[in-house]
Amino acid sequence: MLHPQLQPMTPEPSPSEYLDLDWAMFGELCRALALKVARDYDPEVIIGITRAGVIPAAVVSSILGGVDFYSLRISRRGDAEAVRDRPAIFSEVPPAVRGKRVLIVDEITTSGDTLRLALAAVRDAHPAEVRTATSFARTTGYQPDYAALTMDTSVIFPWDRQVLDGDQLVVNPIYEDQLGE
């Protein structure tokens, strides 16, 4: 049975609805994602998309028995001159992917731009095979090979819920209205 916060919502949620994900549920989603991957694929290398994609990628890597783990920095932030809403790669694909089965992991896929960019970069490094996985996928648009959960509700990840303000953790201003705090 799904966690009460993850029960299917009817009618389709509006963009203003959020799933406030806690660390325990995030861990369960990583476990579910690792099990889906393990049933169908045997990656030799896992690449986590920085920043947030490295969190589920590291957990999945550990659950799968310590599969070699690397990161690939893809961001929509960077050069002020760059187009802000298009992702760009800011690091090199690890040479260890050559000839290996690779799993690219991100925390969520919405447009699919980040995963498509990562796929192209990793394929240029000549892996034996490459697949994608995310903790969350939207019901429409780009679909990764594996997703722990598919839904259209926006997600507040546990690492985004609070931010430092000086020396104190405070509710992230982006989510103040949604969290009612």
N, C-alpha and C. Protein backbone atom coordinates (compact mmCIF):
# COMPACT_ATOMS: atom_id res chain seq x y z
N MET A 1 0.84 -1.18 0.00
CA MET A 1 0.00 0.00 0.00
C MET A 1 0.88 1.24 0.00
N LEU A 2 0.49 2.24 -0.78
CA LEU A 2 1.25 3.48 -0.83
C LEU A 2 1.13 4.25 0.48
N HIS A 3 2.18 4.98 0.80
CA HIS A 3 2.16 5.89 1.93
C HIS A 3 0.95 6.81 1.75
N PRO A 4 0.24 7.21 2.82
CA PRO A 4 -0.96 8.04 2.66
C PRO A 4 -0.72 9.30 1.82
N GLN A 5 0.47 9.90 1.92
CA GLN A 5 0.74 11.10 1.13
C GLN A 5 0.86 10.79 -0.36
N LEU A 6 1.04 9.52 -0.73
CA LEU A 6 1.27 9.18 -2.12
C LEU A 6 0.07 8.50 -2.78
N GLN A 7 -1.08 8.47 -2.11
CA GLN A 7 -2.26 7.87 -2.70
C GLN A 7 -2.63 8.65 -3.97
N PRO A 8 -3.08 7.95 -5.02
CA PRO A 8 -3.48 8.64 -6.25
C PRO A 8 -4.52 9.71 -5.94
N MET A 9 -4.38 10.84 -6.59
CA MET A 9 -5.27 11.95 -6.35
C MET A 9 -6.27 12.05 -7.49
N THR A 10 -7.56 12.25 -7.16
CA THR A 10 -8.58 12.44 -8.15
C THR A 10 -9.41 13.63 -7.70
N PRO A 11 -9.69 14.59 -8.53
CA PRO A 11 -9.23 14.72 -9.91
C PRO A 11 -7.76 15.09 -9.98
N GLU A 12 -7.25 15.25 -11.22
CA GLU A 12 -5.84 15.56 -11.41
C GLU A 12 -5.48 16.81 -10.62
N PRO A 13 -4.36 16.77 -9.88
CA PRO A 13 -3.99 17.90 -9.02
C PRO A 13 -3.62 19.13 -9.84
N SER A 14 -3.89 20.28 -9.25
CA SER A 14 -3.47 21.52 -9.88
C SER A 14 -2.00 21.74 -9.56
N PRO A 15 -1.31 22.60 -10.34
CA PRO A 15 0.11 22.83 -10.09
C PRO A 15 0.39 23.39 -8.69
N SER A 16 -0.64 23.91 -8.00
CA SER A 16 -0.41 24.48 -6.68
C SER A 16 -0.38 23.41 -5.58
N GLU A 17 -0.71 22.14 -5.92
CA GLU A 17 -0.68 21.08 -4.93
C GLU A 17 0.71 20.48 -4.86
N TYR A 18 1.16 20.20 -3.63
CA TYR A 18 2.51 19.70 -3.42
C TYR A 18 2.50 18.45 -2.56
N LEU A 19 3.45 17.58 -2.82
CA LEU A 19 3.73 16.44 -1.94
C LEU A 19 4.94 16.84 -1.12
N ASP A 20 4.75 16.97 0.19
CA ASP A 20 5.84 17.31 1.10
C ASP A 20 6.50 16.00 1.52
N LEU A 21 7.56 15.64 0.85
CA LEU A 21 8.24 14.36 1.01
C LEU A 21 9.20 14.40 2.20
N ASP A 22 9.08 13.44 3.10
CA ASP A 22 10.03 13.39 4.22
C ASP A 22 11.16 12.41 3.89
N TRP A 23 12.18 12.40 4.73
CA TRP A 23 13.36 11.56 4.47
C TRP A 23 13.01 10.07 4.46
N ALA A 24 12.13 9.64 5.35
CA ALA A 24 11.77 8.23 5.41
C ALA A 24 11.09 7.78 4.12
N MET A 25 10.16 8.58 3.63
CA MET A 25 9.48 8.22 2.40
C MET A 25 10.44 8.30 1.21
N PHE A 26 11.34 9.26 1.23
CA PHE A 26 12.34 9.34 0.16
C PHE A 26 13.19 8.07 0.14
N GLY A 27 13.56 7.58 1.32
CA GLY A 27 14.33 6.34 1.39
C GLY A 27 13.56 5.16 0.82
N GLU A 28 12.27 5.10 1.11
CA GLU A 28 11.43 4.02 0.57
C GLU A 28 11.33 4.13 -0.96
N LEU A 29 11.24 5.34 -1.47
CA LEU A 29 11.18 5.52 -2.92
C LEU A 29 12.49 5.09 -3.59
N CYS A 30 13.60 5.38 -2.94
CA CYS A 30 14.90 4.93 -3.48
C CYS A 30 14.97 3.41 -3.49
N ARG A 31 14.45 2.79 -2.44
CA ARG A 31 14.42 1.32 -2.37
C ARG A 31 13.56 0.77 -3.49
N ALA A 32 12.39 1.37 -3.70
CA ALA A 32 11.50 0.92 -4.78
C ALA A 32 12.16 1.10 -6.14
N LEU A 33 12.85 2.21 -6.32
CA LEU A 33 13.54 2.46 -7.59
C LEU A 33 14.65 1.43 -7.81
N ALA A 34 15.42 1.15 -6.79
CA ALA A 34 16.50 0.16 -6.90
C ALA A 34 15.93 -1.22 -7.23
N LEU A 35 14.82 -1.59 -6.63
CA LEU A 35 14.20 -2.88 -6.92
C LEU A 35 13.71 -2.97 -8.36
N LYS A 36 13.12 -1.88 -8.87
CA LYS A 36 12.68 -1.86 -10.27
C LYS A 36 13.87 -2.04 -11.21
N VAL A 37 14.95 -1.34 -10.93
CA VAL A 37 16.15 -1.45 -11.76
C VAL A 37 16.70 -2.87 -11.67
N ALA A 38 16.82 -3.41 -10.47
CA ALA A 38 17.44 -4.73 -10.27
C ALA A 38 16.66 -5.85 -10.96
N ARG A 39 15.36 -5.70 -11.09
CA ARG A 39 14.54 -6.73 -11.75
C ARG A 39 14.81 -6.81 -13.25
N ASP A 40 15.32 -5.73 -13.83
CA ASP A 40 15.36 -5.63 -15.27
C ASP A 40 16.73 -5.28 -15.85
N TYR A 41 17.65 -4.83 -15.00
CA TYR A 41 18.90 -4.27 -15.51
C TYR A 41 19.99 -4.50 -14.47
N ASP A 42 21.20 -4.63 -14.92
CA ASP A 42 22.34 -4.84 -14.04
C ASP A 42 23.41 -3.79 -14.34
N PRO A 43 23.20 -2.55 -13.85
CA PRO A 43 24.17 -1.51 -14.18
C PRO A 43 25.53 -1.77 -13.54
N GLU A 44 26.56 -1.39 -14.26
CA GLU A 44 27.93 -1.47 -13.73
C GLU A 44 28.40 -0.10 -13.24
N VAL A 45 27.76 0.95 -13.74
CA VAL A 45 28.08 2.33 -13.37
C VAL A 45 26.78 3.09 -13.19
N ILE A 46 26.71 3.87 -12.12
CA ILE A 46 25.57 4.78 -11.91
C ILE A 46 26.11 6.20 -11.93
N ILE A 47 25.43 7.04 -12.70
CA ILE A 47 25.78 8.45 -12.77
C ILE A 47 24.62 9.26 -12.22
N GLY A 48 24.88 10.02 -11.16
CA GLY A 48 23.88 10.91 -10.58
C GLY A 48 24.03 12.30 -11.15
N ILE A 49 22.92 12.90 -11.52
CA ILE A 49 22.92 14.26 -12.06
C ILE A 49 22.96 15.23 -10.88
N THR A 50 24.01 16.05 -10.85
CA THR A 50 24.09 17.01 -9.75
C THR A 50 23.16 18.17 -10.04
N ARG A 51 22.63 18.66 -9.03
CA ARG A 51 22.88 18.47 -7.64
C ARG A 51 22.00 17.39 -7.04
N ALA A 52 20.71 17.55 -7.13
CA ALA A 52 19.80 16.69 -6.38
C ALA A 52 19.76 15.24 -6.86
N GLY A 53 20.08 14.97 -8.10
CA GLY A 53 20.05 13.61 -8.60
C GLY A 53 21.09 12.71 -7.98
N VAL A 54 22.15 13.29 -7.42
CA VAL A 54 23.17 12.45 -6.79
C VAL A 54 22.66 11.81 -5.51
N ILE A 55 21.64 12.40 -4.91
CA ILE A 55 21.13 11.86 -3.65
C ILE A 55 20.45 10.51 -3.90
N PRO A 56 19.44 10.42 -4.78
CA PRO A 56 18.88 9.09 -5.03
C PRO A 56 19.87 8.16 -5.73
N ALA A 57 20.75 8.71 -6.56
CA ALA A 57 21.73 7.87 -7.26
C ALA A 57 22.66 7.17 -6.28
N ALA A 58 23.14 7.89 -5.27
CA ALA A 58 24.03 7.28 -4.27
C ALA A 58 23.31 6.20 -3.48
N VAL A 59 22.05 6.46 -3.13
CA VAL A 59 21.28 5.47 -2.37
C VAL A 59 21.04 4.23 -3.23
N VAL A 60 20.63 4.42 -4.48
CA VAL A 60 20.39 3.29 -5.38
C VAL A 60 21.68 2.51 -5.59
N SER A 61 22.80 3.19 -5.75
CA SER A 61 24.09 2.53 -5.91
C SER A 61 24.39 1.64 -4.71
N SER A 62 24.15 2.15 -3.52
CA SER A 62 24.40 1.36 -2.30
C SER A 62 23.49 0.16 -2.22
N ILE A 63 22.21 0.36 -2.52
CA ILE A 63 21.25 -0.75 -2.45
C ILE A 63 21.60 -1.83 -3.46
N LEU A 64 22.12 -1.44 -4.62
CA LEU A 64 22.48 -2.41 -5.65
C LEU A 64 23.86 -3.03 -5.40
N GLY A 65 24.36 -2.89 -4.22
CA GLY A 65 25.60 -3.57 -3.86
C GLY A 65 26.86 -2.77 -4.10
N GLY A 66 26.73 -1.47 -4.11
CA GLY A 66 27.92 -0.63 -4.26
C GLY A 66 28.39 -0.49 -5.69
N VAL A 67 27.45 -0.41 -6.63
CA VAL A 67 27.78 -0.17 -8.03
C VAL A 67 28.62 1.10 -8.12
N ASP A 68 29.63 1.13 -8.99
CA ASP A 68 30.47 2.32 -9.15
C ASP A 68 29.59 3.55 -9.37
N PHE A 69 29.88 4.61 -8.64
CA PHE A 69 29.05 5.81 -8.65
C PHE A 69 29.88 7.03 -9.05
N TYR A 70 29.31 7.81 -9.96
CA TYR A 70 29.93 9.06 -10.41
C TYR A 70 28.84 10.12 -10.51
N SER A 71 29.26 11.36 -10.64
CA SER A 71 28.29 12.43 -10.86
C SER A 71 28.59 13.13 -12.18
N LEU A 72 27.55 13.76 -12.69
CA LEU A 72 27.66 14.57 -13.90
C LEU A 72 26.93 15.86 -13.61
N ARG A 73 27.65 16.97 -13.70
CA ARG A 73 27.06 18.26 -13.35
C ARG A 73 26.33 18.84 -14.55
N ILE A 74 25.03 18.84 -14.44
CA ILE A 74 24.16 19.46 -15.43
C ILE A 74 23.29 20.43 -14.66
N SER A 75 23.22 21.65 -15.12
CA SER A 75 22.49 22.65 -14.38
C SER A 75 21.82 23.64 -15.31
N ARG A 76 20.79 24.26 -14.81
CA ARG A 76 20.16 25.38 -15.51
C ARG A 76 20.74 26.69 -15.00
N ARG A 77 21.65 26.57 -14.05
CA ARG A 77 22.33 27.75 -13.50
C ARG A 77 23.77 27.72 -13.96
N GLY A 78 24.36 28.83 -14.09
CA GLY A 78 25.75 28.87 -14.52
C GLY A 78 26.08 30.23 -15.05
N ASP A 79 26.59 30.28 -16.25
CA ASP A 79 26.97 31.52 -16.90
C ASP A 79 25.75 32.43 -17.01
N ALA A 80 25.88 33.66 -16.53
CA ALA A 80 24.78 34.61 -16.57
C ALA A 80 24.34 34.89 -18.01
N GLU A 81 25.23 34.68 -18.96
CA GLU A 81 24.91 34.91 -20.37
C GLU A 81 24.11 33.75 -20.95
N ALA A 82 24.14 32.59 -20.31
CA ALA A 82 23.48 31.41 -20.86
C ALA A 82 21.97 31.54 -20.76
N VAL A 83 21.29 30.81 -21.62
CA VAL A 83 19.84 30.78 -21.55
C VAL A 83 19.46 30.02 -20.28
N ARG A 84 18.78 30.67 -19.37
CA ARG A 84 18.54 30.13 -18.04
C ARG A 84 17.68 28.87 -18.03
N ASP A 85 16.74 28.76 -18.94
CA ASP A 85 15.84 27.61 -18.85
C ASP A 85 16.31 26.41 -19.67
N ARG A 86 17.50 26.44 -20.22
CA ARG A 86 18.05 25.29 -20.93
C ARG A 86 19.23 24.75 -20.14
N PRO A 87 19.23 23.45 -19.87
CA PRO A 87 20.33 22.88 -19.09
C PRO A 87 21.62 22.83 -19.90
N ALA A 88 22.72 22.84 -19.20
CA ALA A 88 24.04 22.72 -19.81
C ALA A 88 24.90 21.80 -18.95
N ILE A 89 25.87 21.16 -19.59
CA ILE A 89 26.78 20.26 -18.87
C ILE A 89 27.99 21.06 -18.41
N PHE A 90 28.35 20.89 -17.14
CA PHE A 90 29.46 21.62 -16.56
C PHE A 90 30.57 20.69 -16.07
N SER A 91 30.54 19.42 -16.47
CA SER A 91 31.60 18.48 -16.10
C SER A 91 31.74 17.44 -17.20
N GLU A 92 32.76 16.60 -17.06
CA GLU A 92 33.01 15.56 -18.06
C GLU A 92 32.33 14.26 -17.66
N VAL A 93 31.91 13.50 -18.67
CA VAL A 93 31.41 12.16 -18.42
C VAL A 93 32.60 11.32 -17.96
N PRO A 94 32.46 10.54 -16.89
CA PRO A 94 33.59 9.74 -16.42
C PRO A 94 34.00 8.70 -17.47
N PRO A 95 35.30 8.57 -17.74
CA PRO A 95 35.76 7.60 -18.72
C PRO A 95 35.40 6.16 -18.36
N ALA A 96 35.07 5.90 -17.10
CA ALA A 96 34.74 4.55 -16.65
C ALA A 96 33.47 4.00 -17.30
N VAL A 97 32.70 4.82 -18.02
CA VAL A 97 31.47 4.33 -18.64
C VAL A 97 31.74 3.54 -19.93
N ARG A 98 32.91 3.70 -20.51
CA ARG A 98 33.21 3.04 -21.78
C ARG A 98 33.03 1.52 -21.65
N GLY A 99 32.16 1.00 -22.53
CA GLY A 99 31.92 -0.44 -22.56
C GLY A 99 31.12 -1.00 -21.41
N LYS A 100 30.56 -0.15 -20.57
CA LYS A 100 29.82 -0.59 -19.37
C LYS A 100 28.32 -0.32 -19.51
N ARG A 101 27.54 -1.03 -18.70
CA ARG A 101 26.10 -0.77 -18.59
C ARG A 101 25.94 0.38 -17.59
N VAL A 102 25.32 1.47 -18.04
CA VAL A 102 25.24 2.70 -17.25
C VAL A 102 23.79 3.02 -16.92
N LEU A 103 23.57 3.48 -15.69
CA LEU A 103 22.28 3.99 -15.27
C LEU A 103 22.46 5.45 -14.88
N ILE A 104 21.72 6.34 -15.53
CA ILE A 104 21.73 7.76 -15.19
C ILE A 104 20.54 8.02 -14.28
N VAL A 105 20.78 8.65 -13.12
CA VAL A 105 19.73 8.88 -12.13
C VAL A 105 19.59 10.37 -11.85
N ASP A 106 18.33 10.83 -11.83
CA ASP A 106 18.01 12.20 -11.42
C ASP A 106 16.85 12.12 -10.42
N GLU A 107 16.59 13.20 -9.70
CA GLU A 107 15.54 13.14 -8.68
C GLU A 107 14.14 13.23 -9.29
N ILE A 108 14.01 13.93 -10.43
CA ILE A 108 12.69 14.11 -11.04
C ILE A 108 12.89 14.39 -12.53
N THR A 109 11.92 14.01 -13.32
CA THR A 109 11.94 14.41 -14.71
C THR A 109 10.64 15.15 -15.00
N THR A 110 10.78 16.32 -15.59
CA THR A 110 9.61 17.10 -15.99
C THR A 110 9.64 17.23 -17.51
N SER A 111 10.47 18.11 -18.02
CA SER A 111 10.57 18.27 -19.48
C SER A 111 11.41 17.16 -20.11
N GLY A 112 12.32 16.58 -19.35
CA GLY A 112 13.22 15.58 -19.89
C GLY A 112 14.50 16.16 -20.47
N ASP A 113 14.62 17.49 -20.48
CA ASP A 113 15.80 18.13 -21.08
C ASP A 113 17.10 17.68 -20.43
N THR A 114 17.12 17.61 -19.11
CA THR A 114 18.34 17.22 -18.40
C THR A 114 18.73 15.78 -18.73
N LEU A 115 17.78 14.87 -18.67
CA LEU A 115 18.09 13.47 -18.95
C LEU A 115 18.50 13.26 -20.41
N ARG A 116 17.85 13.96 -21.33
CA ARG A 116 18.24 13.85 -22.74
C ARG A 116 19.67 14.32 -22.96
N LEU A 117 20.02 15.42 -22.31
CA LEU A 117 21.38 15.95 -22.42
C LEU A 117 22.39 14.96 -21.82
N ALA A 118 22.06 14.41 -20.67
CA ALA A 118 22.94 13.41 -20.04
C ALA A 118 23.07 12.17 -20.91
N LEU A 119 21.97 11.70 -21.47
CA LEU A 119 22.01 10.53 -22.35
C LEU A 119 22.93 10.76 -23.53
N ALA A 120 22.81 11.90 -24.18
CA ALA A 120 23.65 12.21 -25.33
C ALA A 120 25.12 12.23 -24.94
N ALA A 121 25.42 12.87 -23.81
CA ALA A 121 26.82 12.96 -23.36
C ALA A 121 27.38 11.58 -23.02
N VAL A 122 26.61 10.77 -22.32
CA VAL A 122 27.08 9.44 -21.93
C VAL A 122 27.23 8.55 -23.17
N ARG A 123 26.28 8.63 -24.08
CA ARG A 123 26.39 7.82 -25.31
C ARG A 123 27.65 8.16 -26.11
N ASP A 124 28.05 9.43 -26.08
CA ASP A 124 29.28 9.85 -26.77
C ASP A 124 30.52 9.20 -26.15
N ALA A 125 30.41 8.71 -24.92
CA ALA A 125 31.53 8.05 -24.23
C ALA A 125 31.54 6.54 -24.47
N HIS A 126 30.63 6.04 -25.31
CA HIS A 126 30.59 4.64 -25.76
C HIS A 126 30.36 3.60 -24.67
N PRO A 127 29.26 3.74 -23.92
CA PRO A 127 28.91 2.67 -22.99
C PRO A 127 28.37 1.47 -23.75
N ALA A 128 28.29 0.31 -23.10
CA ALA A 128 27.66 -0.85 -23.71
C ALA A 128 26.15 -0.60 -23.84
N GLU A 129 25.58 0.03 -22.81
CA GLU A 129 24.15 0.33 -22.78
C GLU A 129 23.94 1.44 -21.75
N VAL A 130 22.92 2.24 -21.94
CA VAL A 130 22.61 3.29 -20.97
C VAL A 130 21.10 3.40 -20.81
N ARG A 131 20.67 3.50 -19.56
CA ARG A 131 19.26 3.67 -19.22
C ARG A 131 19.14 4.80 -18.20
N THR A 132 17.89 5.26 -18.01
CA THR A 132 17.64 6.39 -17.11
C THR A 132 16.66 6.00 -16.01
N ALA A 133 16.78 6.69 -14.87
CA ALA A 133 15.89 6.45 -13.73
C ALA A 133 15.70 7.75 -12.96
N THR A 134 14.50 7.92 -12.41
CA THR A 134 14.22 9.07 -11.56
C THR A 134 13.35 8.64 -10.38
N SER A 135 13.42 9.42 -9.33
CA SER A 135 12.53 9.17 -8.20
C SER A 135 11.09 9.45 -8.61
N PHE A 136 10.88 10.54 -9.35
CA PHE A 136 9.55 10.94 -9.80
C PHE A 136 9.57 11.24 -11.28
N ALA A 137 8.50 10.85 -11.96
CA ALA A 137 8.30 11.19 -13.36
C ALA A 137 6.90 11.75 -13.51
N ARG A 138 6.73 12.64 -14.46
CA ARG A 138 5.41 13.17 -14.79
C ARG A 138 4.66 12.12 -15.61
N THR A 139 3.34 12.23 -15.65
CA THR A 139 2.56 11.27 -16.41
C THR A 139 2.62 11.54 -17.91
N THR A 140 3.02 12.74 -18.28
CA THR A 140 3.14 13.09 -19.69
C THR A 140 4.56 13.54 -19.97
N GLY A 141 4.95 13.56 -21.22
CA GLY A 141 6.29 14.01 -21.60
C GLY A 141 7.29 12.89 -21.51
N TYR A 142 8.54 13.27 -21.33
CA TYR A 142 9.65 12.31 -21.31
C TYR A 142 9.47 11.29 -20.18
N GLN A 143 9.63 10.03 -20.52
CA GLN A 143 9.53 8.97 -19.52
C GLN A 143 10.87 8.27 -19.37
N PRO A 144 11.45 8.27 -18.17
CA PRO A 144 12.69 7.52 -17.95
C PRO A 144 12.41 6.03 -18.04
N ASP A 145 13.45 5.24 -18.16
CA ASP A 145 13.28 3.79 -18.19
C ASP A 145 12.71 3.27 -16.87
N TYR A 146 13.06 3.92 -15.76
CA TYR A 146 12.59 3.51 -14.44
C TYR A 146 12.20 4.76 -13.65
N ALA A 147 11.08 4.66 -12.92
CA ALA A 147 10.67 5.73 -12.01
C ALA A 147 10.08 5.08 -10.78
N ALA A 148 10.42 5.60 -9.62
CA ALA A 148 9.83 5.08 -8.38
C ALA A 148 8.35 5.40 -8.34
N LEU A 149 7.97 6.58 -8.81
CA LEU A 149 6.58 7.02 -8.76
C LEU A 149 6.32 7.95 -9.92
N THR A 150 5.16 7.79 -10.56
CA THR A 150 4.76 8.67 -11.65
C THR A 150 3.51 9.41 -11.20
N MET A 151 3.56 10.74 -11.25
CA MET A 151 2.44 11.58 -10.82
C MET A 151 2.66 13.00 -11.31
N ASP A 152 1.62 13.82 -11.21
CA ASP A 152 1.73 15.20 -11.67
C ASP A 152 1.80 16.22 -10.55
N THR A 153 1.71 15.78 -9.32
CA THR A 153 1.83 16.68 -8.19
C THR A 153 3.27 17.16 -8.07
N SER A 154 3.45 18.41 -7.73
CA SER A 154 4.80 18.92 -7.49
C SER A 154 5.33 18.34 -6.18
N VAL A 155 6.64 18.22 -6.09
CA VAL A 155 7.26 17.58 -4.94
C VAL A 155 8.16 18.56 -4.20
N ILE A 156 8.03 18.56 -2.89
CA ILE A 156 8.98 19.29 -2.04
C ILE A 156 9.89 18.22 -1.46
N PHE A 157 11.13 18.18 -1.94
CA PHE A 157 12.09 17.18 -1.49
C PHE A 157 12.61 17.57 -0.11
N PRO A 158 12.99 16.57 0.71
CA PRO A 158 13.42 16.88 2.08
C PRO A 158 14.64 17.80 2.13
N TRP A 159 15.51 17.73 1.15
CA TRP A 159 16.69 18.59 1.16
C TRP A 159 16.38 20.02 0.69
N ASP A 160 15.19 20.24 0.13
CA ASP A 160 14.78 21.59 -0.30
C ASP A 160 13.84 22.26 0.69
N ARG A 161 13.32 21.50 1.65
CA ARG A 161 12.30 22.01 2.56
C ARG A 161 12.82 23.17 3.42
N GLN A 162 14.04 23.05 3.87
CA GLN A 162 14.63 24.10 4.69
C GLN A 162 15.95 24.55 4.08
N VAL A 163 16.27 25.81 4.31
CA VAL A 163 17.53 26.39 3.84
C VAL A 163 18.16 27.17 4.99
N LEU A 164 19.45 27.38 4.87
CA LEU A 164 20.14 28.17 5.90
C LEU A 164 19.87 29.65 5.70
N ASP A 165 19.55 30.32 6.78
CA ASP A 165 19.43 31.77 6.81
C ASP A 165 20.34 32.22 7.95
N GLY A 166 21.55 32.64 7.58
CA GLY A 166 22.57 32.91 8.59
C GLY A 166 23.01 31.59 9.18
N ASP A 167 22.74 31.38 10.48
CA ASP A 167 23.13 30.13 11.12
C ASP A 167 21.92 29.29 11.53
N GLN A 168 20.75 29.60 10.95
CA GLN A 168 19.53 28.86 11.30
C GLN A 168 18.88 28.26 10.06
N LEU A 169 18.29 27.08 10.26
CA LEU A 169 17.48 26.48 9.20
C LEU A 169 16.09 27.09 9.26
N VAL A 170 15.61 27.55 8.11
CA VAL A 170 14.27 28.12 8.01
C VAL A 170 13.56 27.45 6.84
N VAL A 171 12.23 27.52 6.84
CA VAL A 171 11.47 26.99 5.71
C VAL A 171 11.91 27.73 4.45
N ASN A 172 12.16 26.98 3.41
CA ASN A 172 12.55 27.56 2.13
C ASN A 172 11.46 28.53 1.69
N PRO A 173 11.81 29.79 1.43
CA PRO A 173 10.81 30.79 1.05
C PRO A 173 9.97 30.37 -0.17
N ILE A 174 10.52 29.54 -1.02
CA ILE A 174 9.78 29.07 -2.20
C ILE A 174 8.53 28.30 -1.79
N TYR A 175 8.59 27.62 -0.63
CA TYR A 175 7.51 26.73 -0.20
C TYR A 175 6.72 27.24 1.00
N GLU A 176 6.96 28.47 1.45
CA GLU A 176 6.27 28.97 2.64
C GLU A 176 4.75 28.87 2.52
N ASP A 177 4.20 29.27 1.38
CA ASP A 177 2.74 29.23 1.21
C ASP A 177 2.22 27.80 1.20
N GLN A 178 2.94 26.88 0.55
CA GLN A 178 2.48 25.50 0.44
C GLN A 178 2.56 24.78 1.79
N LEU A 179 3.56 25.11 2.58
CA LEU A 179 3.77 24.41 3.86
C LEU A 179 3.01 25.05 5.00
N GLY A 180 2.52 26.26 4.80
CA GLY A 180 1.75 26.94 5.83
C GLY A 180 2.51 27.19 7.10
N GLU A 181 3.81 27.44 6.96
CA GLU A 181 4.64 27.68 8.16
C GLU A 181 5.17 29.09 8.15
